[in-house]
C-alpha atoms as a PDB file:
ATOM      1  CA  MET A   1      -1.763  -4.618   2.411  1.00  0.00           C
ATOM      2  CA  VAL A   2       0.496  -5.552   5.312  1.00  0.00           C
ATOM      3  CA  LEU A   3       4.264  -5.751   4.901  1.00  0.00           C
ATOM      4  CA  LEU A   4       5.456  -9.026   6.378  1.00  0.00           C
ATOM      5  CA  ASP A   5       9.154  -8.186   6.551  1.00  0.00           C
ATOM      6  CA  ASP A   6      11.479  -5.222   6.218  1.00  0.00           C
ATOM      7  CA  SER A   7      13.713  -6.440   3.397  1.00  0.00           C
ATOM      8  CA  PHE A   8      14.445  -3.857   0.737  1.00  0.00           C
ATOM      9  CA  ALA A   9      13.322  -6.234  -2.019  1.00  0.00           C
ATOM     10  CA  SER A  10       9.894  -6.677  -0.411  1.00  0.00           C
ATOM     11  CA  ILE A  11       9.460  -2.942   0.062  1.00  0.00           C
ATOM     12  CA  ALA A  12      10.558  -2.207  -3.512  1.00  0.00           C
ATOM     13  CA  THR A  13       8.093  -4.805  -4.788  1.00  0.00           C
ATOM     14  CA  ALA A  14       5.289  -3.268  -2.704  1.00  0.00           C
ATOM     15  CA  VAL A  15       6.066   0.197  -4.085  1.00  0.00           C
ATOM     16  CA  ARG A  16       6.147  -1.110  -7.656  1.00  0.00           C
ATOM     17  CA  LEU A  17       2.828  -2.893  -7.174  1.00  0.00           C
ATOM     18  CA  GLY A  18       1.343   0.183  -5.507  1.00  0.00           C
ATOM     19  CA  ARG A  19       2.290   2.323  -8.483  1.00  0.00           C
ATOM     20  CA  ALA A  20       0.785  -0.225 -10.859  1.00  0.00           C
ATOM     21  CA  VAL A  21      -2.454  -0.264  -8.874  1.00  0.00           C
ATOM     22  CA  TYR A  22      -2.670   3.538  -8.996  1.00  0.00           C
ATOM     23  CA  GLN A  23      -1.891   3.750 -12.705  1.00  0.00           C
ATOM     24  CA  ASN A  24      -4.261   0.935 -13.658  1.00  0.00           C
ATOM     25  CA  MET A  25      -7.075   1.483 -11.195  1.00  0.00           C
ATOM     26  CA  GLY A  26      -6.874   5.044  -9.898  1.00  0.00           C
ATOM     27  CA  THR A  27      -6.178   3.769  -6.376  1.00  0.00           C
ATOM     28  CA  VAL A  28      -4.235   5.727  -3.754  1.00  0.00           C
ATOM     29  CA  VAL A  29      -2.911   5.095  -0.241  1.00  0.00           C
ATOM     30  CA  ALA A  30      -5.125   7.191   2.042  1.00  0.00           C
ATOM     31  CA  THR A  31      -3.747   6.156   5.446  1.00  0.00           C
ATOM     32  CA  ILE A  32      -0.908   4.133   6.906  1.00  0.00           C
ATOM     33  CA  VAL A  33      -1.784   2.427  10.193  1.00  0.00           C
ATOM     34  CA  ARG A  34       1.326   1.806  12.291  1.00  0.00           C
ATOM     35  CA  ASP A  35       1.119   0.396  15.811  1.00  0.00           C
ATOM     36  CA  GLY A  36      -2.630   1.066  15.777  1.00  0.00           C
ATOM     37  CA  GLN A  37      -2.202   4.762  14.954  1.00  0.00           C
ATOM     38  CA  PRO A  38      -3.335   6.236  11.610  1.00  0.00           C
ATOM     39  CA  THR A  39      -0.846   8.415   9.753  1.00  0.00           C
ATOM     40  CA  VAL A  40      -1.379  10.505   6.633  1.00  0.00           C
ATOM     41  CA  PRO A  41       1.168   9.349   4.033  1.00  0.00           C
ATOM     42  CA  ASP A  42       3.839  11.806   2.942  1.00  0.00           C
ATOM     43  CA  PRO A  43       7.170  11.438   1.122  1.00  0.00           C
ATOM     44  CA  ALA A  44       9.145  11.306   4.399  1.00  0.00           C
ATOM     45  CA  ILE A  45       7.320   8.211   5.703  1.00  0.00           C
ATOM     46  CA  ARG A  46       8.962   4.859   5.015  1.00  0.00           C
ATOM     47  CA  LEU A  47       6.862   1.704   5.107  1.00  0.00           C
ATOM     48  CA  ARG A  48       7.765  -0.839   7.795  1.00  0.00           C
ATOM     49  CA  ALA A  49       6.975  -4.480   8.387  1.00  0.00           C
ATOM     50  CA  GLY A  50       3.502  -4.719   9.919  1.00  0.00           C
ATOM     51  CA  ASP A  51       2.205  -1.440   8.449  1.00  0.00           C
ATOM     52  CA  GLU A  52      -1.370  -1.594   7.202  1.00  0.00           C
ATOM     53  CA  LEU A  53      -2.517   0.513   4.261  1.00  0.00           C
ATOM     54  CA  LEU A  54      -5.972   1.968   3.683  1.00  0.00           C
ATOM     55  CA  LEU A  55      -6.460   2.220  -0.076  1.00  0.00           C
ATOM     56  CA  VAL A  56      -9.101   4.364  -1.778  1.00  0.00           C
ATOM     57  CA  SER A  57     -10.108   3.671  -5.340  1.00  0.00           C
ATOM     58  CA  ARG A  58     -12.368   5.449  -7.772  1.00  0.00           C
ATOM     59  CA  SER A  59     -13.116   2.350  -9.819  1.00  0.00           C
ATOM     60  CA  ALA A  60     -11.339  -0.841  -8.690  1.00  0.00           C
ATOM     61  CA  THR A  61     -13.140  -3.532  -6.749  1.00  0.00           C
ATOM     62  CA  GLU A  62     -11.670  -5.083  -3.616  1.00  0.00           C
ATOM     63  CA  GLN A  63     -10.996  -8.287  -5.581  1.00  0.00           C
ATOM     64  CA  GLU A  64      -9.077  -6.370  -8.274  1.00  0.00           C
ATOM     65  CA  ILE A  65      -6.894  -4.668  -5.654  1.00  0.00           C
ATOM     66  CA  HIS A  66      -6.182  -7.961  -3.875  1.00  0.00           C
ATOM     67  CA  ALA A  67      -5.313  -9.595  -7.211  1.00  0.00           C
ATOM     68  CA  ALA A  68      -2.849  -6.800  -8.022  1.00  0.00           C
ATOM     69  CA  PHE A  69      -0.923  -7.537  -4.816  1.00  0.00           C
ATOM     70  CA  GLN A  70      -0.774 -11.319  -5.233  1.00  0.00           C
END
């Protein structure tokens, strides 16, 4: 997932969808890539426009994860 803007509504939607993916599919954010540098997620990190997320799932397929974010 890549955030395309930094509006609060977009970020809130991304967080809501991320929680739904985790609850429904057992998927977690393993790494945030910002400016080409990987970062381990922690509660102090705020997502920014352009961030890329590496998701790890125990059961969901790539298509299921993409569908959850559409």
